[in-house]
Amino acid sequence: MQVLLKRNWFNPKGSRMRVTGKGTVYEMPEEWKELLPSSAEIIEEHAPVIPLVSTKEPDTFSEMNKIAELQAPSAEQIQAEAHTAFMKAQTKRNRQAGAAKAREARALKKENENVEMA
């Protein structure tokens, strides 16, 4: 039988069964069924498989949009997003470089004004 453990557990043989994340599935003999911890869940082997994607056509535009959001992005979409991110980063770098030049120019102007007053 398959069992989903939610916490670490020492089995009747004395070895520890570690759990990672929200739970780990272990294959165990039927004799241990009464010895399982209260947080353990027995996974039914003959449970019905529920399809993740609906096969019927969407009735409304909102349903169609939800289905479109679930679809994997195409290579063109990924490339367009990468290009957009690159352009935003480039614009930011240009803005920062321009601000640095403006600060240098203001500092130089201020220094020249101080020299003329003296």
N, C-alpha and C. Protein backbone atom coordinates (compact mmCIF):
# COMPACT_ATOMS: atom_id res chain seq x y z
N MET A 1 0.84 -1.18 0.00
CA MET A 1 0.00 0.00 0.00
C MET A 1 0.88 1.23 0.00
N GLN A 2 0.37 2.32 -0.57
CA GLN A 2 1.09 3.58 -0.59
C GLN A 2 0.53 4.49 0.49
N VAL A 3 1.45 5.13 1.24
CA VAL A 3 1.05 5.97 2.36
C VAL A 3 1.72 7.33 2.22
N LEU A 4 0.94 8.37 2.42
CA LEU A 4 1.45 9.74 2.42
C LEU A 4 1.73 10.12 3.86
N LEU A 5 3.04 10.31 4.17
CA LEU A 5 3.42 10.72 5.54
C LEU A 5 3.60 12.23 5.56
N LYS A 6 3.07 12.86 6.60
CA LYS A 6 3.19 14.31 6.74
C LYS A 6 4.27 14.70 7.74
N ARG A 7 4.68 13.73 8.60
CA ARG A 7 5.75 13.96 9.57
C ARG A 7 6.71 12.77 9.54
N ASN A 8 7.94 12.99 9.97
CA ASN A 8 8.90 11.89 10.07
C ASN A 8 8.34 10.81 10.99
N TRP A 9 8.69 9.54 10.71
CA TRP A 9 8.11 8.44 11.47
C TRP A 9 9.11 7.30 11.54
N PHE A 10 9.21 6.68 12.72
CA PHE A 10 10.01 5.48 12.88
C PHE A 10 9.11 4.29 12.63
N ASN A 11 9.43 3.50 11.60
CA ASN A 11 8.59 2.35 11.26
C ASN A 11 8.84 1.20 12.25
N PRO A 12 8.04 0.14 12.22
CA PRO A 12 8.22 -0.97 13.17
C PRO A 12 9.58 -1.65 13.08
N LYS A 13 10.28 -1.51 11.97
CA LYS A 13 11.63 -2.09 11.85
C LYS A 13 12.67 -1.21 12.55
N GLY A 14 12.30 0.01 12.91
CA GLY A 14 13.20 0.91 13.63
C GLY A 14 13.90 1.92 12.75
N SER A 15 13.63 1.92 11.46
CA SER A 15 14.28 2.91 10.60
C SER A 15 13.38 4.14 10.43
N ARG A 16 14.03 5.29 10.29
CA ARG A 16 13.28 6.54 10.19
C ARG A 16 12.88 6.79 8.74
N MET A 17 11.65 7.22 8.57
CA MET A 17 11.13 7.57 7.26
C MET A 17 10.99 9.09 7.23
N ARG A 18 11.84 9.73 6.44
CA ARG A 18 11.87 11.20 6.41
C ARG A 18 10.83 11.76 5.45
N VAL A 19 10.35 12.94 5.80
CA VAL A 19 9.35 13.63 4.99
C VAL A 19 9.94 14.95 4.52
N THR A 20 9.75 15.24 3.25
CA THR A 20 10.19 16.53 2.71
C THR A 20 8.99 17.27 2.15
N GLY A 21 8.96 18.56 2.31
CA GLY A 21 7.87 19.37 1.78
C GLY A 21 6.56 19.12 2.52
N LYS A 22 5.48 19.03 1.77
CA LYS A 22 4.15 18.85 2.36
C LYS A 22 3.81 17.39 2.59
N GLY A 23 4.71 16.50 2.24
CA GLY A 23 4.47 15.09 2.46
C GLY A 23 5.25 14.24 1.48
N THR A 24 5.50 13.00 1.86
CA THR A 24 6.23 12.07 1.02
C THR A 24 5.46 10.76 0.97
N VAL A 25 5.38 10.17 -0.21
CA VAL A 25 4.67 8.91 -0.38
C VAL A 25 5.66 7.75 -0.25
N TYR A 26 5.31 6.78 0.61
CA TYR A 26 6.13 5.59 0.82
C TYR A 26 5.31 4.35 0.51
N GLU A 27 5.98 3.32 0.03
CA GLU A 27 5.38 2.01 -0.17
C GLU A 27 5.61 1.22 1.11
N MET A 28 4.53 0.72 1.73
CA MET A 28 4.61 0.00 3.00
C MET A 28 3.79 -1.29 2.93
N PRO A 29 4.17 -2.28 3.76
CA PRO A 29 3.39 -3.52 3.79
C PRO A 29 2.05 -3.31 4.49
N GLU A 30 1.07 -4.14 4.15
CA GLU A 30 -0.28 -4.04 4.71
C GLU A 30 -0.30 -4.26 6.23
N GLU A 31 0.67 -5.00 6.76
CA GLU A 31 0.69 -5.30 8.20
C GLU A 31 0.86 -4.05 9.06
N TRP A 32 1.41 -2.99 8.49
CA TRP A 32 1.68 -1.77 9.26
C TRP A 32 0.47 -0.84 9.29
N LYS A 33 -0.63 -1.22 8.70
CA LYS A 33 -1.79 -0.33 8.58
C LYS A 33 -2.27 0.19 9.93
N GLU A 34 -2.32 -0.67 10.96
CA GLU A 34 -2.77 -0.25 12.29
C GLU A 34 -1.70 0.53 13.05
N LEU A 35 -0.46 0.46 12.61
CA LEU A 35 0.65 1.11 13.32
C LEU A 35 0.98 2.50 12.78
N LEU A 36 0.33 2.91 11.70
CA LEU A 36 0.63 4.20 11.09
C LEU A 36 0.26 5.35 12.02
N PRO A 37 0.98 6.49 11.93
CA PRO A 37 0.61 7.65 12.75
C PRO A 37 -0.73 8.23 12.29
N SER A 38 -1.33 9.03 13.14
CA SER A 38 -2.66 9.58 12.84
C SER A 38 -2.63 10.56 11.67
N SER A 39 -1.48 11.18 11.41
CA SER A 39 -1.41 12.15 10.31
C SER A 39 -1.18 11.48 8.96
N ALA A 40 -0.91 10.18 8.93
CA ALA A 40 -0.65 9.49 7.67
C ALA A 40 -1.95 9.25 6.91
N GLU A 41 -1.85 9.31 5.59
CA GLU A 41 -3.01 9.07 4.73
C GLU A 41 -2.69 7.92 3.78
N ILE A 42 -3.60 6.97 3.70
CA ILE A 42 -3.43 5.85 2.77
C ILE A 42 -3.96 6.31 1.41
N ILE A 43 -3.13 6.14 0.39
CA ILE A 43 -3.50 6.56 -0.95
C ILE A 43 -4.15 5.38 -1.66
N GLU A 44 -5.35 5.61 -2.15
CA GLU A 44 -6.07 4.57 -2.86
C GLU A 44 -5.43 4.34 -4.22
N GLU A 45 -5.12 3.09 -4.54
CA GLU A 45 -4.47 2.80 -5.81
C GLU A 45 -5.46 2.87 -6.97
N HIS A 46 -6.72 2.63 -6.70
CA HIS A 46 -7.71 2.61 -7.77
C HIS A 46 -8.55 3.89 -7.77
N ALA A 47 -7.98 4.97 -7.33
CA ALA A 47 -8.71 6.24 -7.31
C ALA A 47 -8.90 6.73 -8.74
N PRO A 48 -10.02 7.35 -9.03
CA PRO A 48 -10.25 7.82 -10.40
C PRO A 48 -9.30 8.97 -10.73
N VAL A 49 -8.82 8.98 -11.95
CA VAL A 49 -7.93 10.03 -12.41
C VAL A 49 -8.77 11.16 -12.95
N ILE A 50 -8.57 12.36 -12.41
CA ILE A 50 -9.33 13.53 -12.83
C ILE A 50 -8.48 14.30 -13.84
N PRO A 51 -9.01 14.54 -15.03
CA PRO A 51 -8.21 15.28 -16.02
C PRO A 51 -8.00 16.72 -15.56
N LEU A 52 -6.79 17.22 -15.80
CA LEU A 52 -6.47 18.58 -15.38
C LEU A 52 -7.02 19.62 -16.36
N VAL A 53 -7.17 19.25 -17.62
CA VAL A 53 -7.64 20.18 -18.63
C VAL A 53 -9.02 19.74 -19.09
N SER A 54 -9.94 20.67 -19.11
CA SER A 54 -11.29 20.37 -19.56
C SER A 54 -11.29 20.19 -21.08
N THR A 55 -12.07 19.22 -21.56
CA THR A 55 -12.14 18.97 -22.99
C THR A 55 -13.28 19.73 -23.67
N LYS A 56 -14.18 20.33 -22.90
CA LYS A 56 -15.28 21.07 -23.50
C LYS A 56 -14.84 22.47 -23.89
N GLU A 57 -15.52 23.00 -24.88
CA GLU A 57 -15.21 24.35 -25.35
C GLU A 57 -15.70 25.37 -24.32
N PRO A 58 -14.97 26.47 -24.12
CA PRO A 58 -15.42 27.48 -23.17
C PRO A 58 -16.69 28.18 -23.64
N ASP A 59 -17.57 28.49 -22.68
CA ASP A 59 -18.84 29.14 -23.01
C ASP A 59 -18.72 30.67 -23.03
N THR A 60 -17.82 31.21 -22.23
CA THR A 60 -17.70 32.66 -22.13
C THR A 60 -16.27 33.09 -22.42
N PHE A 61 -16.08 34.38 -22.63
CA PHE A 61 -14.75 34.91 -22.87
C PHE A 61 -13.86 34.78 -21.63
N SER A 62 -14.44 34.92 -20.44
CA SER A 62 -13.63 34.81 -19.22
C SER A 62 -13.09 33.39 -19.07
N GLU A 63 -13.90 32.38 -19.43
CA GLU A 63 -13.40 31.00 -19.38
C GLU A 63 -12.29 30.80 -20.40
N MET A 64 -12.43 31.40 -21.57
CA MET A 64 -11.42 31.28 -22.61
C MET A 64 -10.11 31.94 -22.15
N ASN A 65 -10.21 33.07 -21.48
CA ASN A 65 -9.02 33.74 -20.96
C ASN A 65 -8.33 32.92 -19.89
N LYS A 66 -9.11 32.26 -19.04
CA LYS A 66 -8.52 31.41 -18.01
C LYS A 66 -7.76 30.25 -18.63
N ILE A 67 -8.31 29.66 -19.67
CA ILE A 67 -7.64 28.56 -20.36
C ILE A 67 -6.37 29.06 -21.03
N ALA A 68 -6.43 30.25 -21.62
CA ALA A 68 -5.25 30.82 -22.29
C ALA A 68 -4.13 31.08 -21.28
N GLU A 69 -4.48 31.47 -20.04
CA GLU A 69 -3.47 31.72 -19.01
C GLU A 69 -2.80 30.43 -18.58
N LEU A 70 -3.51 29.31 -18.65
CA LEU A 70 -2.95 28.04 -18.21
C LEU A 70 -2.02 27.42 -19.25
N GLN A 71 -2.12 27.85 -20.49
CA GLN A 71 -1.29 27.28 -21.55
C GLN A 71 0.15 27.77 -21.40
N ALA A 72 1.07 26.92 -21.79
CA ALA A 72 2.50 27.26 -21.70
C ALA A 72 2.81 28.37 -22.71
N PRO A 73 3.70 29.29 -22.34
CA PRO A 73 4.04 30.36 -23.27
C PRO A 73 4.85 29.82 -24.45
N SER A 74 4.69 30.46 -25.60
CA SER A 74 5.42 30.04 -26.79
C SER A 74 6.82 30.64 -26.75
N ALA A 75 7.66 30.20 -27.66
CA ALA A 75 9.03 30.70 -27.73
C ALA A 75 9.04 32.19 -28.05
N GLU A 76 8.11 32.62 -28.90
CA GLU A 76 8.04 34.04 -29.26
C GLU A 76 7.66 34.90 -28.05
N GLN A 77 6.72 34.39 -27.24
CA GLN A 77 6.32 35.13 -26.04
C GLN A 77 7.49 35.24 -25.06
N ILE A 78 8.20 34.16 -24.88
CA ILE A 78 9.35 34.17 -23.96
C ILE A 78 10.40 35.14 -24.46
N GLN A 79 10.67 35.11 -25.77
CA GLN A 79 11.66 36.01 -26.35
C GLN A 79 11.22 37.46 -26.22
N ALA A 80 9.93 37.74 -26.44
CA ALA A 80 9.42 39.11 -26.31
C ALA A 80 9.53 39.60 -24.87
N GLU A 81 9.22 38.73 -23.91
CA GLU A 81 9.34 39.12 -22.50
C GLU A 81 10.79 39.38 -22.13
N ALA A 82 11.71 38.55 -22.63
CA ALA A 82 13.14 38.74 -22.35
C ALA A 82 13.62 40.06 -22.95
N HIS A 83 13.16 40.37 -24.20
CA HIS A 83 13.55 41.62 -24.84
C HIS A 83 13.02 42.82 -24.06
N THR A 84 11.78 42.74 -23.61
CA THR A 84 11.19 43.82 -22.82
C THR A 84 11.97 44.05 -21.53
N ALA A 85 12.32 42.95 -20.85
CA ALA A 85 13.09 43.07 -19.61
C ALA A 85 14.46 43.68 -19.88
N PHE A 86 15.10 43.27 -20.99
CA PHE A 86 16.41 43.83 -21.35
C PHE A 86 16.30 45.33 -21.61
N MET A 87 15.26 45.73 -22.35
CA MET A 87 15.10 47.15 -22.67
C MET A 87 14.83 47.98 -21.42
N LYS A 88 14.06 47.44 -20.48
CA LYS A 88 13.82 48.16 -19.22
C LYS A 88 15.12 48.33 -18.45
N ALA A 89 15.93 47.27 -18.41
CA ALA A 89 17.20 47.35 -17.70
C ALA A 89 18.13 48.35 -18.38
N GLN A 90 18.16 48.34 -19.73
CA GLN A 90 19.01 49.27 -20.48
C GLN A 90 18.57 50.71 -20.22
N THR A 91 17.27 50.96 -20.21
CA THR A 91 16.75 52.30 -19.94
C THR A 91 17.15 52.76 -18.54
N LYS A 92 17.07 51.87 -17.58
CA LYS A 92 17.45 52.21 -16.21
C LYS A 92 18.94 52.57 -16.14
N ARG A 93 19.78 51.77 -16.82
CA ARG A 93 21.22 52.07 -16.81
C ARG A 93 21.50 53.41 -17.46
N ASN A 94 20.82 53.71 -18.57
CA ASN A 94 21.01 55.00 -19.25
C ASN A 94 20.59 56.16 -18.35
N ARG A 95 19.45 55.99 -17.67
CA ARG A 95 18.97 57.04 -16.76
C ARG A 95 19.97 57.27 -15.63
N GLN A 96 20.50 56.17 -15.08
CA GLN A 96 21.46 56.31 -13.99
C GLN A 96 22.75 56.98 -14.47
N ALA A 97 23.20 56.64 -15.68
CA ALA A 97 24.41 57.26 -16.23
C ALA A 97 24.19 58.74 -16.48
N GLY A 98 23.02 59.10 -16.99
CA GLY A 98 22.71 60.51 -17.23
C GLY A 98 22.65 61.29 -15.93
N ALA A 99 22.08 60.68 -14.89
CA ALA A 99 22.00 61.36 -13.59
C ALA A 99 23.40 61.55 -13.01
N ALA A 100 24.27 60.57 -13.20
CA ALA A 100 25.64 60.69 -12.69
C ALA A 100 26.37 61.83 -13.40
N LYS A 101 26.19 61.94 -14.72
CA LYS A 101 26.83 63.04 -15.47
C LYS A 101 26.29 64.39 -15.01
N ALA A 102 24.99 64.47 -14.75
CA ALA A 102 24.40 65.73 -14.29
C ALA A 102 24.94 66.11 -12.92
N ARG A 103 25.11 65.13 -12.03
CA ARG A 103 25.69 65.43 -10.71
C ARG A 103 27.12 65.94 -10.83
N GLU A 104 27.89 65.32 -11.73
CA GLU A 104 29.27 65.76 -11.94
C GLU A 104 29.30 67.19 -12.48
N ALA A 105 28.41 67.49 -13.42
CA ALA A 105 28.37 68.83 -14.01
C ALA A 105 27.97 69.87 -12.97
N ARG A 106 26.98 69.53 -12.10
CA ARG A 106 26.60 70.47 -11.04
C ARG A 106 27.73 70.69 -10.06
N ALA A 107 28.44 69.63 -9.71
CA ALA A 107 29.55 69.76 -8.77
C ALA A 107 30.66 70.61 -9.38
N LEU A 108 30.94 70.42 -10.67
CA LEU A 108 31.97 71.21 -11.34
C LEU A 108 31.56 72.68 -11.42
N LYS A 109 30.28 72.94 -11.71
CA LYS A 109 29.80 74.32 -11.79
C LYS A 109 29.89 75.00 -10.43
N LYS A 110 29.51 74.26 -9.39
CA LYS A 110 29.57 74.81 -8.04
C LYS A 110 31.01 75.11 -7.65
N GLU A 111 31.92 74.23 -8.04
CA GLU A 111 33.33 74.44 -7.73
C GLU A 111 33.87 75.66 -8.45
N ASN A 112 33.45 75.85 -9.73
CA ASN A 112 33.90 77.03 -10.49
C ASN A 112 33.34 78.33 -9.87
N GLU A 113 32.08 78.30 -9.39
CA GLU A 113 31.50 79.49 -8.75
C GLU A 113 32.24 79.83 -7.47
N ASN A 114 32.62 78.80 -6.69
CA ASN A 114 33.38 79.05 -5.46
C ASN A 114 34.74 79.63 -5.73
N VAL A 115 35.38 79.23 -6.84
CA VAL A 115 36.70 79.74 -7.18
C VAL A 115 36.59 81.20 -7.60
N GLU A 116 35.53 81.56 -8.36
CA GLU A 116 35.37 82.93 -8.84
C GLU A 116 35.08 83.89 -7.69
N MET A 117 34.37 83.44 -6.65
CA MET A 117 34.04 84.30 -5.52
C MET A 117 35.28 84.59 -4.67
N ALA A 118 36.21 83.72 -4.67
CA ALA A 118 37.38 83.89 -3.81
C ALA A 118 38.37 84.84 -4.35
